[in-house]
N, C-alpha and C. Protein backbone atom coordinates (compact mmCIF):
# COMPACT_ATOMS: atom_id res chain seq x y z
N MET A 1 17.51 -13.10 21.85
CA MET A 1 18.25 -12.49 20.39
C MET A 1 16.99 -13.23 19.79
N LYS A 2 17.04 -12.73 18.62
CA LYS A 2 15.42 -14.00 18.25
C LYS A 2 16.51 -14.79 17.17
N SER A 3 15.70 -16.08 16.71
CA SER A 3 16.16 -17.00 15.54
C SER A 3 16.29 -16.67 14.39
N ASN A 4 17.23 -17.45 14.21
CA ASN A 4 17.54 -16.81 12.40
C ASN A 4 18.06 -16.07 12.37
N ASN A 5 19.06 -15.23 12.98
CA ASN A 5 19.64 -14.13 13.13
C ASN A 5 21.09 -14.79 11.79
N LEU A 6 21.76 -13.43 12.01
CA LEU A 6 23.14 -13.61 11.12
C LEU A 6 24.24 -14.66 11.30
N ILE A 7 24.64 -14.15 13.06
CA ILE A 7 25.48 -15.19 13.34
C ILE A 7 24.85 -16.75 13.45
N GLN A 8 23.77 -16.96 13.61
CA GLN A 8 22.93 -18.38 13.58
C GLN A 8 23.14 -18.73 12.56
N GLU A 9 22.94 -17.82 11.02
CA GLU A 9 23.22 -18.77 10.32
C GLU A 9 23.79 -18.89 9.51
N LYS A 10 25.37 -17.62 9.14
CA LYS A 10 26.50 -17.83 9.17
C LYS A 10 27.39 -18.85 9.79
N SER A 11 26.90 -18.96 10.59
CA SER A 11 27.89 -20.30 12.01
C SER A 11 27.30 -21.52 11.20
N PHE A 12 26.27 -21.84 11.31
CA PHE A 12 25.42 -23.20 10.66
C PHE A 12 26.27 -23.38 9.12
N ARG A 13 26.28 -22.01 8.22
CA ARG A 13 26.77 -22.57 6.85
C ARG A 13 28.42 -22.86 6.99
N PHE A 14 29.00 -22.17 8.26
CA PHE A 14 30.17 -22.67 8.55
C PHE A 14 30.51 -24.13 8.57
N ALA A 15 29.49 -24.74 9.61
CA ALA A 15 29.85 -26.58 9.96
C ALA A 15 29.19 -27.01 8.56
N VAL A 16 28.21 -26.66 7.86
CA VAL A 16 28.12 -27.44 6.36
C VAL A 16 29.73 -27.32 5.77
N LYS A 17 30.18 -26.36 5.90
CA LYS A 17 31.35 -26.57 4.67
C LYS A 17 32.67 -27.65 5.39
N SER A 18 32.46 -27.58 6.64
CA SER A 18 33.20 -28.38 7.32
C SER A 18 33.12 -29.41 7.40
N VAL A 19 32.44 -30.25 7.43
CA VAL A 19 31.78 -31.61 7.38
C VAL A 19 31.62 -31.91 5.79
N TYR A 20 32.04 -30.88 4.79
CA TYR A 20 32.20 -31.36 3.47
C TYR A 20 33.45 -31.92 3.52
N ALA A 21 34.24 -30.83 3.88
CA ALA A 21 35.67 -30.58 3.99
C ALA A 21 36.24 -31.71 4.81
N TYR A 22 35.82 -32.03 5.70
CA TYR A 22 36.25 -33.19 6.52
C TYR A 22 35.85 -34.27 5.88
N LYS A 23 34.38 -35.18 5.00
CA LYS A 23 34.15 -35.86 3.86
C LYS A 23 35.56 -36.03 3.75
N GLU A 24 35.77 -35.33 2.33
CA GLU A 24 36.96 -35.16 1.46
C GLU A 24 38.78 -35.74 2.42
N LEU A 25 38.35 -35.12 3.41
CA LEU A 25 39.69 -35.31 4.17
C LEU A 25 39.93 -36.52 4.54
N ILE A 26 38.73 -37.19 4.75
CA ILE A 26 38.46 -38.88 5.48
C ILE A 26 38.61 -39.65 3.84
N ASN A 27 38.00 -38.81 2.94
CA ASN A 27 37.79 -40.00 2.27
C ASN A 27 38.52 -40.30 0.95
N VAL A 28 39.25 -39.10 0.63
CA VAL A 28 39.99 -38.65 -0.54
C VAL A 28 41.57 -38.96 -0.08
N LYS A 29 41.40 -37.43 1.18
CA LYS A 29 42.80 -37.41 1.73
C LYS A 29 43.83 -38.87 2.49
N ARG A 30 42.84 -39.51 3.44
CA ARG A 30 42.54 -40.56 4.11
C ARG A 30 43.28 -39.89 5.70
N GLU A 31 42.76 -38.85 5.74
CA GLU A 31 43.30 -37.86 6.67
C GLU A 31 42.41 -38.18 7.98
N TYR A 32 42.72 -38.58 9.44
CA TYR A 32 41.92 -38.80 10.69
C TYR A 32 41.59 -37.91 11.52
N VAL A 33 42.87 -37.64 11.90
CA VAL A 33 43.47 -37.53 13.21
C VAL A 33 42.80 -35.62 13.39
N LEU A 34 43.49 -35.11 12.41
CA LEU A 34 43.76 -33.87 12.14
C LEU A 34 42.39 -33.32 11.74
N SER A 35 41.61 -33.71 11.01
CA SER A 35 40.74 -33.56 10.72
C SER A 35 39.20 -33.20 11.55
N LYS A 36 39.41 -34.88 12.46
CA LYS A 36 38.47 -34.70 13.33
C LYS A 36 39.03 -33.89 14.03
N GLN A 37 39.86 -33.39 14.82
CA GLN A 37 39.59 -32.25 15.55
C GLN A 37 39.12 -30.68 15.32
N PHE A 38 39.38 -30.74 13.39
CA PHE A 38 39.45 -29.63 12.68
C PHE A 38 37.50 -29.84 12.78
N LEU A 39 37.12 -31.15 12.87
CA LEU A 39 35.55 -30.96 12.56
C LEU A 39 34.46 -30.76 13.84
N ARG A 40 35.56 -31.13 14.96
CA ARG A 40 35.35 -30.76 16.05
C ARG A 40 34.73 -29.88 16.35
N SER A 41 35.97 -28.64 16.55
CA SER A 41 35.64 -27.37 16.59
C SER A 41 35.07 -26.40 15.96
N SER A 42 35.31 -27.12 14.27
CA SER A 42 34.47 -26.11 13.50
C SER A 42 32.90 -26.09 13.69
N THR A 43 31.98 -27.25 14.05
CA THR A 43 31.09 -28.05 14.53
C THR A 43 30.63 -26.89 15.85
N SER A 44 31.25 -26.80 16.98
CA SER A 44 31.08 -26.12 18.12
C SER A 44 30.72 -24.97 18.05
N ILE A 45 31.45 -24.35 16.89
CA ILE A 45 30.88 -22.92 16.83
C ILE A 45 29.23 -22.50 16.41
N ALA A 46 29.15 -23.03 15.65
CA ALA A 46 26.90 -23.29 15.69
C ALA A 46 26.70 -23.39 16.59
N ALA A 47 26.68 -24.83 17.06
CA ALA A 47 26.29 -25.45 18.69
C ALA A 47 26.61 -24.51 19.45
N ASN A 48 27.44 -23.97 19.94
CA ASN A 48 27.65 -22.55 21.02
C ASN A 48 26.72 -22.33 21.01
N ILE A 49 26.75 -21.09 20.14
CA ILE A 49 25.50 -19.98 19.48
C ILE A 49 24.52 -20.41 19.78
N GLU A 50 23.84 -21.82 19.17
CA GLU A 50 22.84 -22.00 19.85
C GLU A 50 22.39 -22.48 20.95
N GLU A 51 23.38 -22.72 21.84
CA GLU A 51 22.80 -22.85 23.16
C GLU A 51 22.86 -21.59 23.55
N ALA A 52 23.30 -20.35 22.94
CA ALA A 52 23.91 -19.01 23.23
C ALA A 52 22.32 -18.68 23.41
N LEU A 53 21.39 -18.45 22.10
CA LEU A 53 20.05 -18.15 21.65
C LEU A 53 19.40 -18.61 23.08
N GLY A 54 19.58 -20.27 23.55
CA GLY A 54 19.09 -20.35 24.85
C GLY A 54 19.49 -19.69 26.04
N ALA A 55 20.34 -18.79 26.25
CA ALA A 55 20.54 -18.76 27.58
C ALA A 55 20.07 -17.89 28.18
N GLN A 56 20.05 -18.35 29.64
CA GLN A 56 19.23 -18.37 31.08
C GLN A 56 19.20 -16.38 31.28
N SER A 57 20.59 -16.48 30.93
CA SER A 57 21.19 -14.93 31.46
C SER A 57 21.88 -14.54 30.59
N SER A 58 21.79 -12.90 30.81
CA SER A 58 23.40 -12.23 30.24
C SER A 58 24.74 -13.12 30.13
N LYS A 59 24.65 -13.35 31.32
CA LYS A 59 25.88 -13.85 31.36
C LYS A 59 26.21 -15.78 31.21
N ASP A 60 25.24 -15.88 30.76
CA ASP A 60 25.13 -17.71 30.30
C ASP A 60 25.68 -17.14 28.83
N PHE A 61 24.61 -15.94 28.45
CA PHE A 61 24.89 -16.10 26.63
C PHE A 61 26.21 -15.59 26.27
N LEU A 62 27.24 -14.65 27.09
CA LEU A 62 28.36 -14.06 27.09
C LEU A 62 29.69 -15.51 26.76
N SER A 63 29.16 -16.30 27.90
CA SER A 63 29.82 -17.38 27.93
C SER A 63 29.69 -18.58 26.52
N LYS A 64 28.54 -18.45 26.67
CA LYS A 64 28.63 -19.48 25.24
C LYS A 64 29.01 -18.82 24.00
N ILE A 65 29.03 -17.29 23.80
CA ILE A 65 29.94 -16.45 22.36
C ILE A 65 31.03 -16.73 23.17
N SER A 66 31.51 -17.14 24.35
CA SER A 66 32.70 -16.51 24.38
C SER A 66 33.53 -18.32 24.02
N ILE A 67 33.15 -19.02 24.13
CA ILE A 67 33.25 -20.69 23.61
C ILE A 67 33.21 -20.72 21.99
N SER A 68 32.08 -20.00 21.63
CA SER A 68 32.03 -19.89 19.98
C SER A 68 33.65 -19.28 19.28
N TYR A 69 33.84 -17.69 19.87
CA TYR A 69 34.66 -17.49 19.82
C TYR A 69 36.16 -18.26 19.87
N LYS A 70 36.55 -18.64 20.74
CA LYS A 70 37.63 -19.46 20.77
C LYS A 70 38.19 -20.83 19.83
N GLU A 71 36.61 -21.21 19.47
CA GLU A 71 36.31 -22.65 18.98
C GLU A 71 36.46 -21.95 17.30
N THR A 72 35.96 -20.68 17.06
CA THR A 72 36.84 -19.85 15.98
C THR A 72 38.49 -20.46 15.39
N ARG A 73 38.70 -19.26 17.10
CA ARG A 73 40.31 -19.92 16.36
C ARG A 73 40.50 -20.51 16.65
N GLU A 74 40.06 -21.90 16.88
CA GLU A 74 40.85 -22.95 16.74
C GLU A 74 40.70 -23.84 15.54
N SER A 75 39.81 -23.31 15.00
CA SER A 75 39.38 -23.97 13.70
C SER A 75 40.20 -23.28 12.28
N LEU A 76 40.55 -21.92 12.50
CA LEU A 76 41.62 -21.22 11.57
C LEU A 76 42.80 -21.92 12.25
N PHE A 77 43.45 -22.50 13.36
CA PHE A 77 44.44 -23.06 13.45
C PHE A 77 44.17 -24.30 12.19
N TRP A 78 43.54 -25.22 12.53
CA TRP A 78 43.18 -26.55 12.18
C TRP A 78 43.75 -26.10 10.45
N ILE A 79 42.80 -25.28 10.19
CA ILE A 79 42.74 -25.10 8.66
C ILE A 79 43.88 -24.99 8.28
N LYS A 80 44.50 -23.78 8.89
CA LYS A 80 46.22 -23.39 8.56
C LYS A 80 47.03 -24.57 8.39
N LEU A 81 46.83 -25.37 9.69
CA LEU A 81 47.38 -26.56 9.38
C LEU A 81 47.24 -27.69 8.31
N LEU A 82 46.30 -27.52 8.38
CA LEU A 82 46.15 -29.24 7.23
C LEU A 82 46.18 -28.44 5.86
N MET A 83 45.82 -26.92 5.42
CA MET A 83 46.93 -26.49 4.79
C MET A 83 47.98 -26.38 4.24
N GLU A 84 48.71 -26.03 5.23
CA GLU A 84 50.41 -26.37 4.96
C GLU A 84 50.93 -27.92 4.92
N THR A 85 49.79 -28.72 5.19
CA THR A 85 50.47 -29.89 5.68
C THR A 85 49.66 -30.93 4.11
N SER A 86 49.39 -29.62 3.01
CA SER A 86 49.07 -30.56 1.96
C SER A 86 47.65 -30.77 1.82
N TYR A 87 47.06 -31.15 2.82
CA TYR A 87 45.61 -31.85 3.19
C TYR A 87 44.64 -31.03 2.71
N LEU A 88 44.26 -30.39 2.72
CA LEU A 88 43.32 -29.15 2.04
C LEU A 88 43.78 -28.05 0.97
N ASP A 89 43.20 -28.31 0.15
CA ASP A 89 43.89 -27.30 -1.47
C ASP A 89 44.02 -25.53 -1.10
N LYS A 90 44.57 -25.17 -1.54
CA LYS A 90 44.46 -23.53 -0.93
C LYS A 90 43.18 -22.82 -1.35
N ASN A 91 42.47 -23.03 -2.27
CA ASN A 91 40.87 -22.53 -2.55
C ASN A 91 40.05 -22.50 -1.38
N LEU A 92 39.85 -24.00 -1.03
CA LEU A 92 39.37 -24.77 -0.10
C LEU A 92 39.43 -23.68 1.21
N SER A 93 41.02 -23.84 1.50
CA SER A 93 41.11 -23.26 2.90
C SER A 93 41.02 -21.68 2.59
N GLU A 94 41.11 -20.68 1.91
CA GLU A 94 41.18 -19.68 2.00
C GLU A 94 39.66 -19.50 1.77
N GLU A 95 38.76 -20.37 1.55
CA GLU A 95 37.29 -20.18 1.56
C GLU A 95 36.76 -20.18 2.93
N LEU A 96 37.53 -21.49 3.80
CA LEU A 96 37.05 -21.68 5.07
C LEU A 96 37.91 -20.60 6.33
N ARG A 97 38.72 -19.63 5.87
CA ARG A 97 39.21 -19.26 6.37
C ARG A 97 38.80 -18.10 6.31
N ASN A 98 38.33 -17.30 5.30
CA ASN A 98 37.60 -16.02 5.14
C ASN A 98 36.40 -15.91 5.80
N ASP A 99 35.66 -16.52 5.84
CA ASP A 99 34.67 -17.34 6.66
C ASP A 99 34.42 -17.19 8.10
N ALA A 100 35.57 -18.48 8.43
CA ALA A 100 35.95 -18.09 10.27
C ALA A 100 36.43 -16.77 10.58
N ARG A 101 37.22 -15.84 9.40
CA ARG A 101 38.02 -14.50 10.18
C ARG A 101 35.90 -14.22 10.43
N GLU A 102 35.48 -14.01 8.98
CA GLU A 102 33.93 -13.50 9.37
C GLU A 102 33.78 -13.17 10.87
N LEU A 103 33.38 -14.49 10.68
CA LEU A 103 32.76 -15.16 12.25
C LEU A 103 32.99 -14.51 13.10
N LEU A 104 34.64 -14.50 13.48
CA LEU A 104 35.39 -14.00 14.64
C LEU A 104 35.08 -12.96 14.95
N ARG A 105 34.66 -11.59 13.77
CA ARG A 105 34.33 -10.27 13.50
C ARG A 105 33.48 -10.30 13.80
N ILE A 106 32.34 -11.16 13.65
CA ILE A 106 30.99 -10.95 14.16
C ILE A 106 30.68 -11.11 15.80
N ILE A 107 31.53 -12.78 15.99
CA ILE A 107 31.34 -12.89 17.49
C ILE A 107 31.91 -11.75 18.20
N GLY A 108 33.23 -11.02 17.78
CA GLY A 108 33.91 -10.07 18.76
C GLY A 108 33.19 -8.94 19.13
N SER A 109 32.47 -8.30 17.83
CA SER A 109 31.18 -7.17 18.64
C SER A 109 30.28 -7.94 18.91
N ILE A 110 29.84 -8.94 19.01
CA ILE A 110 28.90 -9.58 19.89
C ILE A 110 29.36 -9.38 21.38
N GLN A 111 30.59 -10.09 21.78
CA GLN A 111 31.05 -10.28 22.85
C GLN A 111 31.15 -8.88 23.56
N LEU A 112 31.76 -7.81 22.67
CA LEU A 112 31.98 -6.01 23.26
C LEU A 112 30.52 -6.00 24.03
N THR A 113 29.81 -6.03 22.58
CA THR A 113 28.55 -5.25 23.25
C THR A 113 28.21 -6.22 24.55
N MET A 114 28.21 -7.21 25.00
CA MET A 114 27.30 -8.18 25.72
C MET A 114 28.23 -7.81 27.05
N LYS A 115 29.41 -7.41 27.08
CA LYS A 115 30.30 -7.14 27.97
C LYS A 115 29.87 -5.44 28.64
N LYS A 116 29.31 -5.05 27.43
CA LYS A 116 28.97 -3.10 28.15
C LYS A 116 27.97 -3.37 28.33
N LYS A 117 26.76 -4.49 27.95
CA LYS A 117 25.83 -4.59 28.40
C LYS A 117 25.50 -5.14 30.15
N ILE A 118 26.41 -6.21 30.15
CA ILE A 118 26.49 -6.85 31.64
C ILE A 118 27.14 -5.50 32.22
N LYS A 119 27.77 -4.79 32.08
CA LYS A 119 28.88 -3.97 33.06
C LYS A 119 27.62 -2.64 33.23
N GLN A 120 26.80 -2.32 32.31
CA GLN A 120 25.78 -1.46 32.50
C GLN A 120 24.85 -1.87 33.73
N ASN A 121 24.23 -3.07 33.37
CA ASN A 121 24.02 -3.61 34.36
C ASN A 121 23.41 -4.25 35.65
N SER A 122 25.34 -3.87 35.96
CA SER A 122 25.76 -4.47 37.47
C SER A 122 25.63 -3.55 37.90
């Protein structure tokens, strides 16, 4: 895959937004446990995308992309929990949720394409 592609950029932007949300959670809301879990999962998405771009094989690529998909789902959980417990305001949580849902759609599509490719080459 090429560098600076759509999923690479969107996952990085999501990670940046997540870091800013984390800063607010610890500095303003004084929430340290849930926010750390959210930070780990939300930044892991982009990190695993980067690893996928350097994959040694199609199966390795699929593995890293699949981890990104799972981390995105986990991030959605933490966003929902933080919103429901009044740590994240509704506007920020909706923005983060929309971004995460978009990432899920894109990553899910990439997974399907790679699974078909791997099956065809088997």
